[in-house]
Each structure stands twice: as C-alpha cells, then as structure tokens.
Protein backbone atom coordinates (compact mmCIF):
# COMPACT_ATOMS: atom_id res chain seq x y z
CA MET A 1 108.20 55.52 -58.49
CA LEU A 2 109.93 53.77 -55.53
CA SER A 3 113.37 55.67 -55.08
CA GLY A 4 114.39 55.82 -51.40
CA VAL A 5 111.91 52.52 -50.85
CA THR A 6 113.55 49.58 -49.01
CA LEU A 7 111.39 46.60 -49.65
CA GLU A 8 111.25 43.40 -47.69
CA GLY A 9 114.56 41.71 -47.82
CA GLY A 10 116.79 44.76 -48.29
CA GLY A 11 117.07 47.99 -46.24
CA ALA A 12 118.03 51.14 -47.68
CA ARG A 13 121.85 51.74 -47.19
CA SER A 14 123.24 54.22 -44.51
CA GLY A 15 124.72 57.52 -45.26
CA GLU A 16 126.54 60.00 -43.69
CA GLY A 17 123.88 61.85 -41.81
CA ARG A 18 121.64 59.29 -41.82
CA PRO A 19 120.26 57.78 -38.39
CA SER A 20 120.84 54.39 -38.12
CA ARG A 21 117.78 51.30 -38.69
CA THR A 22 118.23 50.95 -34.82
CA GLU A 23 117.57 54.22 -34.15
CA LEU A 24 114.68 54.71 -36.28
CA LYS A 25 111.39 55.50 -33.73
CA PRO A 26 107.55 55.14 -34.43
CA ARG A 27 105.43 57.98 -34.42
CA SER A 28 103.64 57.79 -31.15
CA LEU A 29 100.16 58.72 -30.69
CA GLN A 30 100.26 59.74 -26.96
CA SER A 31 96.73 58.59 -25.51
CA GLN A 32 94.91 61.74 -24.08
CA ILE A 33 91.38 60.42 -22.83
CA GLY A 34 89.81 56.95 -22.75
CA ILE A 35 86.27 56.19 -24.47
CA LEU A 36 84.47 53.48 -24.11
CA CYS A 37 83.20 51.54 -27.18
CA PRO A 38 79.21 51.45 -27.38
CA VAL A 39 78.88 48.07 -28.82
CA CYS A 40 81.39 45.51 -26.16
CA ASP A 41 81.80 48.41 -23.75
CA ALA A 42 85.83 47.96 -24.08
CA GLN A 43 88.31 51.21 -23.18
CA VAL A 44 89.81 52.81 -26.02
CA ASP A 45 92.43 55.15 -25.52
CA LEU A 46 91.75 58.63 -27.58
CA PRO A 47 95.08 59.26 -29.97
CA MET A 48 96.33 62.72 -30.15
CA GLY A 49 94.43 63.83 -32.85
CA GLY A 50 91.08 62.94 -31.18
CA VAL A 51 88.02 60.72 -32.72
CA LYS A 52 89.33 61.48 -36.64
CA ALA A 53 92.38 59.81 -35.60
CA LEU A 54 90.74 56.87 -34.57
CA THR A 55 90.66 53.91 -36.93
CA ILE A 56 88.03 53.85 -39.76
CA ASP A 57 86.33 50.41 -40.15
CA HIS A 58 86.85 49.99 -44.10
CA LEU A 59 85.20 47.07 -44.06
CA ALA A 60 82.24 48.14 -42.29
CA VAL A 61 82.18 51.13 -44.50
CA ASN A 62 82.38 48.56 -48.20
CA ASP A 63 79.06 46.82 -46.34
CA VAL A 64 76.99 49.96 -46.02
CA MET A 65 77.17 50.58 -49.46
CA PRO A 66 74.85 47.73 -51.04
CA GLU A 67 72.73 47.72 -48.39
CA SER A 68 72.73 52.09 -49.43
CA LEU A 69 72.14 50.78 -53.48
CA ARG A 70 69.34 48.74 -51.99
CA GLY A 71 67.20 51.46 -50.68
CA GLU A 72 67.85 53.21 -54.13
CA GLY A 73 70.84 55.13 -53.70
CA GLN A 74 69.62 57.41 -50.92
CA GLY A 75 72.86 58.42 -48.72
CA LEU A 76 75.44 57.85 -51.27
CA VAL A 77 76.99 61.49 -52.66
CA CYS A 78 79.70 61.73 -55.13
CA ASP A 79 83.46 61.28 -53.80
CA LEU A 80 84.85 63.96 -56.19
CA CYS A 81 82.42 66.94 -55.26
CA ASN A 82 80.62 65.72 -51.99
CA ASP A 83 77.39 67.22 -52.72
CA ARG A 84 75.61 65.46 -55.97
CA GLU A 85 73.75 62.20 -55.41
CA VAL A 86 75.41 59.55 -56.97
CA GLU A 87 75.17 57.75 -60.38
CA LYS A 88 77.60 55.94 -61.74
CA ARG A 89 80.24 54.27 -60.19
CA CYS A 90 84.54 53.99 -61.37
CA GLN A 91 85.33 50.07 -61.21
CA THR A 92 89.05 51.40 -61.80
CA CYS A 93 89.25 54.13 -59.05
CA LYS A 94 86.78 52.46 -56.94
CA ALA A 95 85.27 55.94 -57.23
CA ASN A 96 81.59 56.69 -56.56
CA LEU A 97 80.51 59.06 -59.30
CA CYS A 98 77.55 61.94 -59.85
CA HIS A 99 76.59 62.79 -63.47
CA PHE A 100 78.79 66.02 -63.19
CA CYS A 101 81.86 64.31 -61.78
CA CYS A 102 81.82 61.35 -64.66
CA GLN A 103 81.51 63.80 -66.93
CA ALA A 104 85.12 65.43 -66.33
CA HIS A 105 86.39 62.35 -65.73
CA ARG A 106 86.11 60.79 -68.94
CA ARG A 107 87.71 63.72 -70.01
CA GLN A 108 90.81 63.46 -68.42
CA LYS A 109 93.10 61.70 -70.18
CA LYS A 110 94.79 59.42 -67.70
CA THR A 111 90.81 58.05 -66.67
CA THR A 112 89.41 58.29 -70.68
CA TYR A 113 89.60 54.36 -70.59
CA HIS A 114 88.34 53.69 -66.83
CA THR A 115 85.10 51.30 -66.44
CA MET A 116 82.35 53.74 -65.47
CA VAL A 117 78.89 51.50 -64.24
CA ASP A 118 75.68 52.82 -63.30
CA LEU A 119 74.94 52.61 -59.57
CA LYS A 120 71.66 50.46 -60.22
CA ASP A 121 73.33 47.73 -61.89
CA LEU A 122 75.83 46.97 -58.73
CA LYS A 123 72.69 46.61 -56.30
CA GLY A 124 72.94 42.44 -56.74
CA TYR A 125 76.86 42.64 -55.31
CA SER A 126 77.15 41.75 -51.89
CA ARG A 127 80.62 43.99 -51.45
CA ILE A 128 81.91 46.75 -53.42
CA GLY A 129 85.03 47.79 -52.69
CA LYS A 130 86.25 51.47 -52.08
CA PRO A 131 89.62 53.09 -52.12
CA ILE A 132 91.42 53.60 -48.96
CA LEU A 133 93.08 56.77 -48.98
CA CYS A 134 96.56 58.72 -47.20
CA PRO A 135 94.67 60.37 -44.29
CA VAL A 136 98.09 62.48 -44.71
CA HIS A 137 97.98 62.14 -48.38
CA PRO A 138 94.42 61.92 -49.57
CA ALA A 139 95.07 61.92 -53.17
CA GLU A 140 97.03 58.73 -52.51
CA GLU A 141 95.41 55.02 -51.99
CA LEU A 142 96.76 52.77 -49.19
CA ARG A 143 99.25 50.01 -51.27
CA LEU A 144 102.17 49.74 -48.68
CA PHE A 145 103.05 48.16 -45.63
CA CYS A 146 105.79 50.00 -43.23
CA GLU A 147 107.39 46.98 -40.89
CA PHE A 148 108.92 49.32 -38.37
CA CYS A 149 105.37 51.35 -38.00
CA ASP A 150 103.54 48.62 -38.13
CA ARG A 151 100.81 50.88 -40.05
CA PRO A 152 99.93 51.13 -44.22
CA VAL A 153 100.91 53.68 -45.79
CA CYS A 154 100.89 55.33 -49.29
CA ARG A 155 104.12 56.33 -51.75
CA ASP A 156 104.64 60.24 -50.36
CA CYS A 157 104.91 58.36 -47.10
CA VAL A 158 107.15 56.31 -48.20
CA VAL A 159 109.68 58.48 -49.76
CA GLY A 160 108.87 61.74 -46.72
CA GLU A 161 108.03 60.53 -43.32
CA HIS A 162 108.74 56.39 -44.03
CA ARG A 163 112.00 57.22 -46.20
CA GLU A 164 114.29 54.94 -43.93
CA HIS A 165 111.57 52.57 -43.11
CA PRO A 166 111.19 48.91 -44.27
CA CYS A 167 108.34 48.79 -47.09
CA ASP A 168 106.95 46.33 -49.00
CA PHE A 169 103.57 46.17 -50.58
CA THR A 170 100.28 45.14 -49.41
CA SER A 171 99.42 42.45 -51.48
CA ASN A 172 103.33 41.25 -50.48
CA VAL A 173 103.54 41.26 -46.22
CA ILE A 174 100.12 40.12 -45.52
CA HIS A 175 100.39 36.30 -45.91
CA LYS A 176 102.88 36.68 -42.57
CA HIS A 177 101.01 39.65 -40.99
CA GLY A 178 97.24 36.84 -42.07
CA ASP A 179 99.19 34.03 -40.68
CA SER A 180 99.93 35.68 -37.13
CA VAL A 181 96.10 37.12 -37.19
CA TRP A 182 94.79 33.65 -38.18
CA GLU A 183 97.41 31.92 -35.59
CA LEU A 184 95.84 34.88 -32.98
CA LEU A 185 92.46 33.98 -33.91
CA LYS A 186 92.91 29.80 -33.17
CA GLY A 187 94.00 30.47 -29.87
CA THR A 188 90.24 32.87 -29.06
CA GLN A 189 87.86 30.36 -31.17
CA PRO A 190 88.69 28.12 -27.94
CA HIS A 191 87.75 30.69 -25.75
CA VAL A 192 84.74 31.57 -27.85
CA GLU A 193 83.03 28.06 -27.94
CA ALA A 194 83.93 27.75 -24.33
CA LEU A 195 82.01 30.80 -23.25
CA GLU A 196 79.27 30.23 -25.48
CA GLU A 197 78.98 26.62 -23.48
CA ALA A 198 79.22 28.45 -20.53
CA LEU A 199 76.48 30.63 -21.60
CA ALA A 200 74.05 27.65 -22.53
CA GLN A 201 75.28 25.85 -18.92
CA ILE A 202 74.40 29.48 -17.39
CA HIS A 203 71.07 29.12 -19.70
CA ILE A 204 69.95 25.79 -18.51
CA MET A 205 71.51 26.32 -14.63
CA ASN A 206 69.00 29.89 -14.69
CA SER A 207 65.77 28.00 -15.83
CA ALA A 208 66.19 24.82 -13.33
CA LEU A 209 66.77 27.63 -10.82
CA GLN A 210 63.91 29.42 -12.12
CA LYS A 211 61.82 25.64 -11.81
CA GLN A 212 63.49 24.95 -8.16
CA VAL A 213 62.39 28.29 -6.96
CA GLU A 214 58.59 27.75 -8.14
CA ALA A 215 58.97 24.32 -6.71
CA VAL A 216 59.93 25.50 -3.07
CA ALA A 217 57.45 28.84 -3.49
CA ALA A 218 54.69 25.63 -3.78
CA ASP A 219 55.85 23.92 -0.93
CA VAL A 220 56.42 26.96 0.70
CA ARG A 221 52.53 28.34 -0.68
CA THR A 222 51.07 24.79 0.30
CA PHE A 223 52.64 24.16 4.02
CA SER A 224 51.70 27.83 4.66
CA GLU A 225 48.55 26.76 3.55
CA GLY A 226 47.92 23.83 6.01
CA TYR A 227 49.87 24.86 8.49
CA ILE A 228 47.10 28.34 8.52
CA LYS A 229 44.43 25.43 8.80
CA ALA A 230 45.91 23.70 11.42
CA ILE A 231 46.98 26.64 13.19
CA GLU A 232 42.95 27.86 12.88
CA GLU A 233 41.56 24.44 13.77
CA HIS A 234 43.57 24.41 16.93
CA ARG A 235 42.17 27.59 17.72
CA ASP A 236 38.73 26.32 17.51
CA LYS A 237 39.78 23.87 19.81
CA LEU A 238 41.13 26.06 22.02
CA LEU A 239 38.03 28.73 22.07
CA LYS A 240 35.65 25.36 22.34
CA GLN A 241 37.92 24.41 25.14
CA LEU A 242 37.71 27.68 27.05
CA GLU A 243 33.74 27.95 26.39
CA ASP A 244 33.68 24.73 28.13
CA ILE A 245 35.38 25.56 30.84
CA ARG A 246 33.50 28.63 31.34
CA ALA A 247 30.44 26.61 31.04
CA GLN A 248 31.55 24.12 33.83
CA LYS A 249 32.73 26.86 36.07
CA GLU A 250 29.39 29.01 35.55
CA ASN A 251 27.73 25.87 36.36
CA SER A 252 29.22 24.90 39.33
CA LEU A 253 29.08 28.28 40.77
CA GLN A 254 25.43 28.81 39.98
CA LEU A 255 24.75 25.19 41.46
CA GLN A 256 27.06 26.72 44.84
CA LYS A 257 24.63 29.62 44.96
CA ALA A 258 21.60 27.96 44.92
CA GLN A 259 23.06 26.07 47.69
CA LEU A 260 23.60 28.99 49.46
CA GLU A 261 20.47 31.11 48.75
CA GLN A 262 18.99 27.97 50.22
CA LEU A 263 20.98 27.84 53.19
CA LEU A 264 20.88 30.97 54.10
CA ALA A 265 16.80 31.28 53.54
CA ASP A 266 16.57 28.04 56.64
CA MET A 267 19.17 30.24 58.30
CA ARG A 268 17.04 33.24 58.19
CA THR A 269 13.48 31.44 59.02
CA GLY A 270 15.75 29.60 61.79
CA VAL A 271 16.81 33.05 63.30
CA GLU A 272 13.42 34.85 62.92
CA PHE A 273 11.26 32.02 64.08
CA THR A 274 13.69 31.78 66.87
CA GLU A 275 14.17 35.31 67.55
CA HIS A 276 10.34 35.86 67.64
CA LEU A 277 9.75 33.04 70.03
CA LEU A 278 12.38 34.46 72.87
CA THR A 279 10.70 38.26 72.14
CA SER A 280 6.99 37.79 71.67
CA GLY A 281 6.41 33.96 73.27
CA SER A 282 5.20 33.44 77.09
CA ASP A 283 7.97 31.11 79.28
CA LEU A 284 5.49 28.05 78.82
CA GLU A 285 5.05 28.76 74.78
CA ILE A 286 8.80 28.83 74.90
CA LEU A 287 9.54 25.86 77.29
CA ILE A 288 6.38 24.52 74.87
CA THR A 289 8.25 25.11 71.90
CA LYS A 290 12.03 24.38 73.23
CA ARG A 291 13.18 20.99 72.10
CA VAL A 292 11.76 21.84 68.14
CA VAL A 293 13.52 25.43 68.52
CA VAL A 294 16.63 23.88 69.62
CA GLU A 295 16.97 20.88 67.25
CA ARG A 296 16.47 22.38 64.58
CA LEU A 297 19.02 25.17 65.48
CA ARG A 298 21.68 21.94 66.15
CA LYS A 299 20.45 21.12 62.69
CA LEU A 300 21.69 24.18 60.70
CA ASN A 301 24.84 24.45 63.18
CA LYS A 302 25.88 21.42 61.56
CA VAL A 303 25.30 22.82 58.31
CA GLN A 304 28.71 22.19 56.31
CA TYR A 305 29.12 24.97 54.04
CA SER A 306 32.15 27.06 52.17
CA ALA A 307 32.38 30.86 52.29
CA ARG A 308 34.65 31.30 49.52
CA PRO A 309 33.57 30.06 45.45
CA GLY A 310 34.16 26.60 44.66
CA VAL A 311 35.59 27.70 41.65
CA ASN A 312 38.72 30.52 40.78
CA ASP A 313 39.26 32.24 37.93
CA LYS A 314 42.35 31.22 36.72
CA ILE A 315 42.28 30.29 33.32
CA ARG A 316 45.76 30.79 31.27
CA PHE A 317 46.71 30.32 28.05
CA CYS A 318 50.35 29.56 26.98
CA PRO A 319 51.55 30.10 23.62
CA GLN A 320 54.93 27.94 24.79
CA GLU A 321 53.58 24.96 25.47
CA LYS A 322 53.32 22.19 22.87
CA ALA A 323 49.95 21.15 22.27
CA GLY A 324 50.34 18.00 19.83
CA GLN A 325 49.65 17.96 16.01
CA CYS A 326 47.22 18.87 14.37
CA ARG A 327 46.89 17.84 10.54
CA GLY A 328 50.79 16.72 10.56
CA TYR A 329 52.21 19.79 12.30
CA GLU A 330 53.36 20.31 15.27
CA ILE A 331 51.50 23.50 17.03
CA TYR A 332 51.51 25.10 20.44
CA GLY A 333 49.33 26.64 22.34
CA THR A 334 47.39 25.25 25.31
CA ILE A 335 44.56 26.98 27.88
CA ASN A 336 46.06 25.68 31.70
CA THR A 337 43.46 25.78 34.80
CA LYS A 338 45.50 24.53 37.31
CA GLU A 339 46.61 26.02 39.77
CA VAL A 340 50.03 25.36 42.67
CA ASP A 341 48.22 24.01 45.70
CA PRO A 342 51.17 24.26 48.65
CA ALA A 343 49.29 21.72 50.74
CA LYS A 344 50.22 19.64 48.23
CA CYS A 345 53.52 20.01 47.09
CA VAL A 346 56.35 17.27 47.77
CA LEU A 347 59.92 17.81 48.44
CA GLN A 348 62.38 15.20 47.05
CA GLY A 349 65.68 14.63 47.13
CA GLU A 350 68.60 12.67 49.04
CA ASP A 351 69.96 15.71 50.61
CA LEU A 352 66.87 17.02 51.85
CA HIS A 353 67.74 16.51 55.07
CA ARG A 354 71.80 16.44 55.21
CA ALA A 355 74.41 18.30 53.46
CA ARG A 356 78.15 18.60 53.65
CA GLU A 357 80.05 22.10 54.75
CA LYS A 358 81.40 23.70 51.17
CA GLN A 359 79.35 21.21 49.02
CA THR A 360 76.73 22.00 47.23
CA ALA A 361 73.45 19.95 48.11
CA SER A 362 70.31 20.58 46.15
CA PHE A 363 66.69 18.94 46.37
CA THR A 364 63.39 18.86 44.47
CA LEU A 365 59.84 20.96 44.71
CA LEU A 366 57.38 19.34 42.98
CA CYS A 367 54.24 21.64 42.95
CA LYS A 368 50.44 20.04 42.39
CA ASP A 369 47.12 21.39 41.99
CA ALA A 370 44.61 20.18 44.64
CA ALA A 371 43.31 17.40 42.80
CA GLY A 372 47.27 16.36 43.27
CA GLU A 373 48.23 15.83 39.91
CA ILE A 374 51.01 17.44 38.60
CA MET A 375 50.99 20.62 37.54
CA GLY A 376 53.07 19.69 34.48
CA ARG A 377 53.99 23.24 34.04
CA GLY A 378 56.40 26.33 35.28
CA GLY A 379 56.03 29.74 36.12
CA ASP A 380 55.08 30.01 39.69
CA ASN A 381 57.30 32.25 42.13
CA VAL A 382 58.78 29.78 44.59
CA GLN A 383 60.62 31.09 47.65
CA VAL A 384 63.73 29.15 49.42
CA ALA A 385 65.15 30.72 52.35
CA ILE A 386 68.37 28.35 54.56
CA VAL A 387 69.35 30.00 57.87
CA PRO A 388 71.82 28.34 60.40
CA LYS A 389 69.60 28.59 63.78
CA ASP A 390 72.63 30.22 66.19
CA LYS A 391 73.33 32.58 62.84
CA LYS A 392 69.67 33.78 61.78
CA ASP A 393 71.16 36.91 59.87
CA SER A 394 73.15 34.95 57.61
CA PRO A 395 71.49 33.29 55.49
CA VAL A 396 72.57 30.54 52.81
CA ARG A 397 72.85 31.84 49.24
CA THR A 398 70.10 29.32 47.45
CA MET A 399 69.27 29.23 43.68
CA VAL A 400 66.21 27.79 42.03
CA GLN A 401 66.31 26.69 38.93
CA ASP A 402 62.35 26.10 37.00
CA ASN A 403 62.08 22.88 34.48
CA LYS A 404 59.44 24.06 33.15
CA ASP A 405 57.57 20.75 33.74
CA GLY A 406 55.85 21.62 37.34
CA THR A 407 59.52 20.73 39.23
CA TYR A 408 61.73 22.55 40.91
CA TYR A 409 65.52 22.31 41.48
CA ILE A 410 66.87 24.15 44.40
CA SER A 411 70.07 23.84 45.39
CA TYR A 412 72.61 25.82 47.58
CA THR A 413 76.28 25.68 49.09
CA PRO A 414 76.57 25.79 53.08
CA LYS A 415 79.48 27.33 54.30
CA GLU A 416 79.29 25.97 58.05
CA PRO A 417 78.29 23.26 59.69
CA GLY A 418 75.74 23.06 62.11
CA VAL A 419 71.73 23.03 62.11
CA TYR A 420 69.64 25.02 59.59
CA THR A 421 66.07 25.59 58.72
CA VAL A 422 64.24 25.47 55.56
CA TRP A 423 61.45 27.41 54.28
CA VAL A 424 60.35 26.67 50.93
CA CYS A 425 57.24 28.78 50.35
CA ILE A 426 54.74 29.33 46.91
CA LYS A 427 52.26 32.12 47.16
CA GLU A 428 54.03 33.38 50.51
CA GLN A 429 52.18 29.94 52.03
CA HIS A 430 54.97 27.10 52.88
CA VAL A 431 54.43 24.21 50.73
CA GLN A 432 54.29 20.58 52.26
CA GLY A 433 57.07 19.67 54.90
CA SER A 434 57.92 23.34 54.87
CA PRO A 435 60.08 24.68 57.15
CA PHE A 436 62.58 22.05 57.95
CA THR A 437 65.62 21.07 59.20
CA VAL A 438 68.86 19.54 57.65
CA THR A 439 71.97 18.87 59.28
CA VAL A 440 75.09 19.95 57.65
CA ARG A 441 78.20 18.25 58.68
CA ARG A 442 82.08 18.82 57.98
CA LYS A 443 83.51 17.80 54.42
CA HIS A 444 84.15 14.73 53.50
CA ARG A 445 87.38 13.33 54.74
CA PRO A 446 88.66 11.73 51.13
CA HIS A 447 90.30 8.23 51.62
CA SER A 448 94.31 7.87 51.43
CA GLY A 449 94.41 3.88 51.17
CA VAL A 450 93.69 2.29 47.90
CA PHE A 451 90.60 0.28 47.55
CA HIS A 452 91.98 -3.03 47.00
CA CYS A 453 91.00 -7.25 47.02
CA CYS A 454 94.26 -7.65 49.15
CA THR A 455 97.77 -6.23 50.20
CA PHE A 456 99.54 -9.04 48.43
CA CYS A 457 97.56 -8.60 45.36
CA SER A 458 97.80 -5.06 45.14
CA SER A 459 101.52 -4.48 46.53
CA GLY A 460 102.65 -6.76 44.44
CA GLY A 461 104.03 -9.05 47.14
CA GLN A 462 105.73 -6.40 49.03
CA LYS A 463 106.58 -8.00 52.84
CA THR A 464 106.15 -4.50 54.39
CA ALA A 465 103.00 -3.38 53.15
CA ARG A 466 100.20 -3.18 55.58
CA CYS A 467 96.24 -2.86 55.56
CA ALA A 468 94.10 -1.68 58.12
CA CYS A 469 91.70 -4.97 57.98
CA GLY A 470 94.46 -6.02 60.49
CA GLY A 471 95.08 -9.29 58.35
CA THR A 472 98.72 -11.14 57.93
CA MET A 473 100.37 -14.02 56.17
CA PRO A 474 103.18 -16.43 56.86
CA GLY A 475 106.82 -15.35 56.01
CA GLY A 476 106.69 -12.88 57.25
CA TYR A 477 104.05 -11.00 55.52
CA LEU A 478 102.72 -7.52 57.95
CA GLY A 479 99.45 -7.00 55.00
CA CYS A 480 96.42 -9.61 54.40
CA GLY A 481 96.19 -11.86 52.08
CA HIS A 482 93.07 -13.99 49.95
CA GLY A 483 92.06 -17.04 52.60
CA HIS A 484 94.80 -16.07 54.81
CA LYS A 485 94.74 -15.15 58.89
CA GLY A 486 92.50 -11.65 59.46
CA HIS A 487 91.65 -11.01 55.87
CA PRO A 488 87.85 -9.77 55.55
CA GLY A 489 86.60 -11.67 52.63
CA HIS A 490 85.71 -8.58 50.70
CA PRO A 491 87.48 -5.65 48.75
CA HIS A 492 88.58 -3.03 50.96
CA TRP A 493 90.33 0.54 51.64
CA SER A 494 93.55 0.21 52.73
CA CYS A 495 93.44 3.05 55.13
CA CYS A 496 90.35 2.31 57.44
CA GLY A 497 88.85 -1.37 56.16
CA LYS A 498 85.87 -0.15 55.11
CA PHE A 499 83.99 -2.40 52.55
CA ASN A 500 81.99 0.57 50.78
CA GLU A 501 84.14 1.87 48.13
CA LYS A 502 82.31 5.36 48.22
CA SER A 503 81.62 5.96 51.47
CA GLU A 504 84.15 8.19 54.01
CA CYS A 505 87.13 7.47 55.87
CA THR A 506 87.05 6.96 59.59
CA TRP A 507 91.08 6.73 59.36
CA THR A 508 91.90 9.21 62.83
CA GLY A 509 95.76 8.56 61.87
CA GLY A 510 96.15 7.38 65.76
CA GLN A 511 98.90 5.82 67.29
CA SER A 512 96.74 2.52 67.69
CA THR A 513 96.86 2.40 63.38
CA PRO A 514 99.47 0.89 61.42
CA ARG A 515 101.42 3.95 60.37
CA SER A 516 102.88 1.62 56.71
CA LEU A 517 99.25 1.33 55.36
CA LEU A 518 98.93 0.60 51.20
CA ARG A 519 98.35 4.44 50.48
CA THR A 520 99.89 4.80 46.67
CA VAL A 521 99.48 1.38 44.82
CA ALA A 522 95.59 1.64 42.93
CA LEU A 523 93.97 -1.47 41.51
C-alpha cells in the first residue's frame, strides 16, 4: 500500500526521467483577495480555490458535536447521505450515521464488525473525534504528512502528486512539528502575559484618569461657583457705589439749585424794586430810599456763585482695573468718578528744561483731579508739541507713553541745538507750567583720557605720562603723584582735570594743554 512512499529517514531513488529531490517544488497557492477575520481582524490571503480552499478548523468542528448532542441532536445529519438525522456513530470509522446508512454499514464485509454506539450514549462525552478526510480524495483519511509541502496527505496523494516527496505517518512526525510549535508558543506566552499586564495597567490608569477628571471637574465647579458668587457680590457693591455716587451728586445739584433759586429771587426782588423806584418814584422818594437800595444792590453784587453745575456726569466703569479680592478671588472692575484737571497736572523730570542734540530727552506728566489727587489711571488725551523758536514749521517728533497709573512718559530727540518751546495739553488746555522753554545744547563731549587717582599709578610709572591737573613728581616725572606738587587730592580725569567722573570733557585741544595726556590706560 505504501509503494513509492519515501518515509522519514530515507528518500526515493532518483531514476532516469525523474526529477531529483532538489528540483521538486511545492504547489503554490497564489493569493487573489485579502479578507479580514471576524474574530481577530487579521488579514488572510484568499487562495486560488476561494473560501473552500481555506484551512478548516477541525478542532472547532469536533467541539461543536458534543454541544449539538446536548441539544437533542438538532442540526446533526448523516455523514454518508447528508440527508437524514443521525442515530448512531461508528467508533471505528468515527462517522455519524442515520438508521438506513447504519444498516448498510453493517451489511458490508469490511465494516460488519465496526463498533456502533447510540448517539444518546455519547452525550456525556466532552469531545467526539471525527475522521479528517482528504479534500482531493474524499474517500481517504489524512494519515500521512508531506515534509516537502508541509501539509497532511492521504495514501492516494502519496502515490500521485506527492510521489517523490518525503512523507511519513502523522504519529511519527508530530513530535518534531509539535515541539517547534511548542517553542513558538513559549516565545509567545510572555507577550500574552505582558499584554495582559499592560491592559491591567491601562485599566488602572483609566480608572485613575476618571477619578482625576472627576476631582478636577469638582474643583472647577467649586472654583467657578465661588468666583461667580464673588463676581455677583462685587457687582452688588459696584451698583451700590454707583447709587451712592448718584445720590451724592444729585444732592449737591439740588443744594446748588436751591441756593441759586434763592439768590435769583433776591436779585429779582432788588431789581424790580429798584426799577419801580426809578421809574415811578419822585425825586424826593428816590433820594430818601437811595441809601437802602444801594446798600442792598451792593450786597447782591458781592454774592459769590458758580454759573456752572457744581458736579459733573463723569462716571466711568473701568473693567480692566484691579479691584482687590472678594471671597479670596482676584476681581476686576472699578467705578471711577475722577476727572483730570489740567491746571492741577504737573510736569516732572531732570530733562524738563535741558537737553542735548541727537540724544533722547524725557520728562513725566503727572495727572491730578480738581482736588489735587493723583488720577491713578490712564486713558487721557495728552497732546505734546515741541517746536524750535526759530523754526516753528519744523516740530520735533514726540512719543507719549501711557503708564496706566495717571502718569505719562514723554520723550523726544532734538536734532539741532537751540531754544525750543514745549506745549503739553489735556482736553485742549495747558497743564500747569505749560508752555515752557527748553535749551538744547550740543552733543555731550566724551572724555578722551582716563579717570585716575594719579598719573604714576595709572601709567605704571611712566615718566613721560602727563595729566591735565598739572601736577609733577621729582625725578623727571612729568605727571602727577599722590602727595606731590600739583596733585588735586581727588580722583580726576587726565584729559581735562575734572573731578566728576560723569562730567563733560572741557579739553579743547589748544596749545596751552599738554599733548601727551594719558588717554589709553584705564583704572
């Protein structure tokens, strides 16, 4: 039965016209379409034979049978006729048979003595094997394994398509192939454990994430609710403050109104009485009441009153200004009733009345209200103009920086020396001290020497080094030294002799000044 089969450990002899073992090639199954596994989403290449050519999971098929038996045999049909319901199972052939096929199975000589078991007696079995038949030769069971093609084959396959291939019984090769699968399994199992651990960590992290999100959400809600209450409380305070301001201004207006109305009534009474006296009275009557009338009119004319309302409607809401804290929250928004008074504003700065050509000069404008209090906020329309007295059509470009605290930084760079007129206005009114003049002098002359204690120290003992202070030392030293003749007793500039380190150099380079002044050695 096994003629032409090459068993494991020995190969078939190559005869004439037969291909050698190295020339044999397995049957290729070319992939046409890729399909996805519904369980694991892995892509599987569909072979030339289509879905029917895919590898059958016989283990799953055998596991289904006991489940079907527990369900009163529903769904099981005869393996031979594929028509009638199964009643018995041949334990020798491992085939499920109906009543008709079971009788035919017993009448055949080859199967007369096969063991037949009722299907109901198999319901307690956990697994019931079923013969795996060759897909090419359906009457033959797969009992052999082709090493070259790496696939199970039947006896007919061995004598046919796999004739020259090394084949052996499955029981003989299972150890080798099973061991290789076991090795792969051992390499895969750690990944399973690692993935399970990773999933566990992800589950833990997801739980921690949810808890953290809930905790942060609670903090956000608590913060928001507290902030909303603080804002609402601040809103109520601002509205009450606004109402108090309205009442105060309204009371002032009403008081001023009452005073003006009383003064107007007095004025009218005096005017009407005097007009009636002058138009209707006799000469004697006028002369008799003249003293009283004159005295009354003089008193009325001396009464001081303001022709303008004593208060204004300048009320602003400043949402960007800090308003302190409320319930522990930093809040913004203030009501401001201050109005800048140009007559109270002052100008400050060292460069207010002096500047240098081509050097930036600056001064500060401090804005105040009518009461002399600092405004404490910005936003006023400050206008600055700096014009040379002899070139009024060439104003200097100025920069006004709002410091947002009631002060304004004003800078400019004059291009030429001379006298300039400076205008600083707010609301088209001059501030206190405006306009004023500033004298622009020529560019500051830097020192050409060094600022030293004496020539001897700064020059390292050079005899020819001189100093503008005019001091000398014995021994032929042309420069000054501590305690010697001509030393001023203070640190000074070697070029001009000035004591102030940040002063302007006054050396003109004339013949009267020594030409070998020390200019290169710095302290």
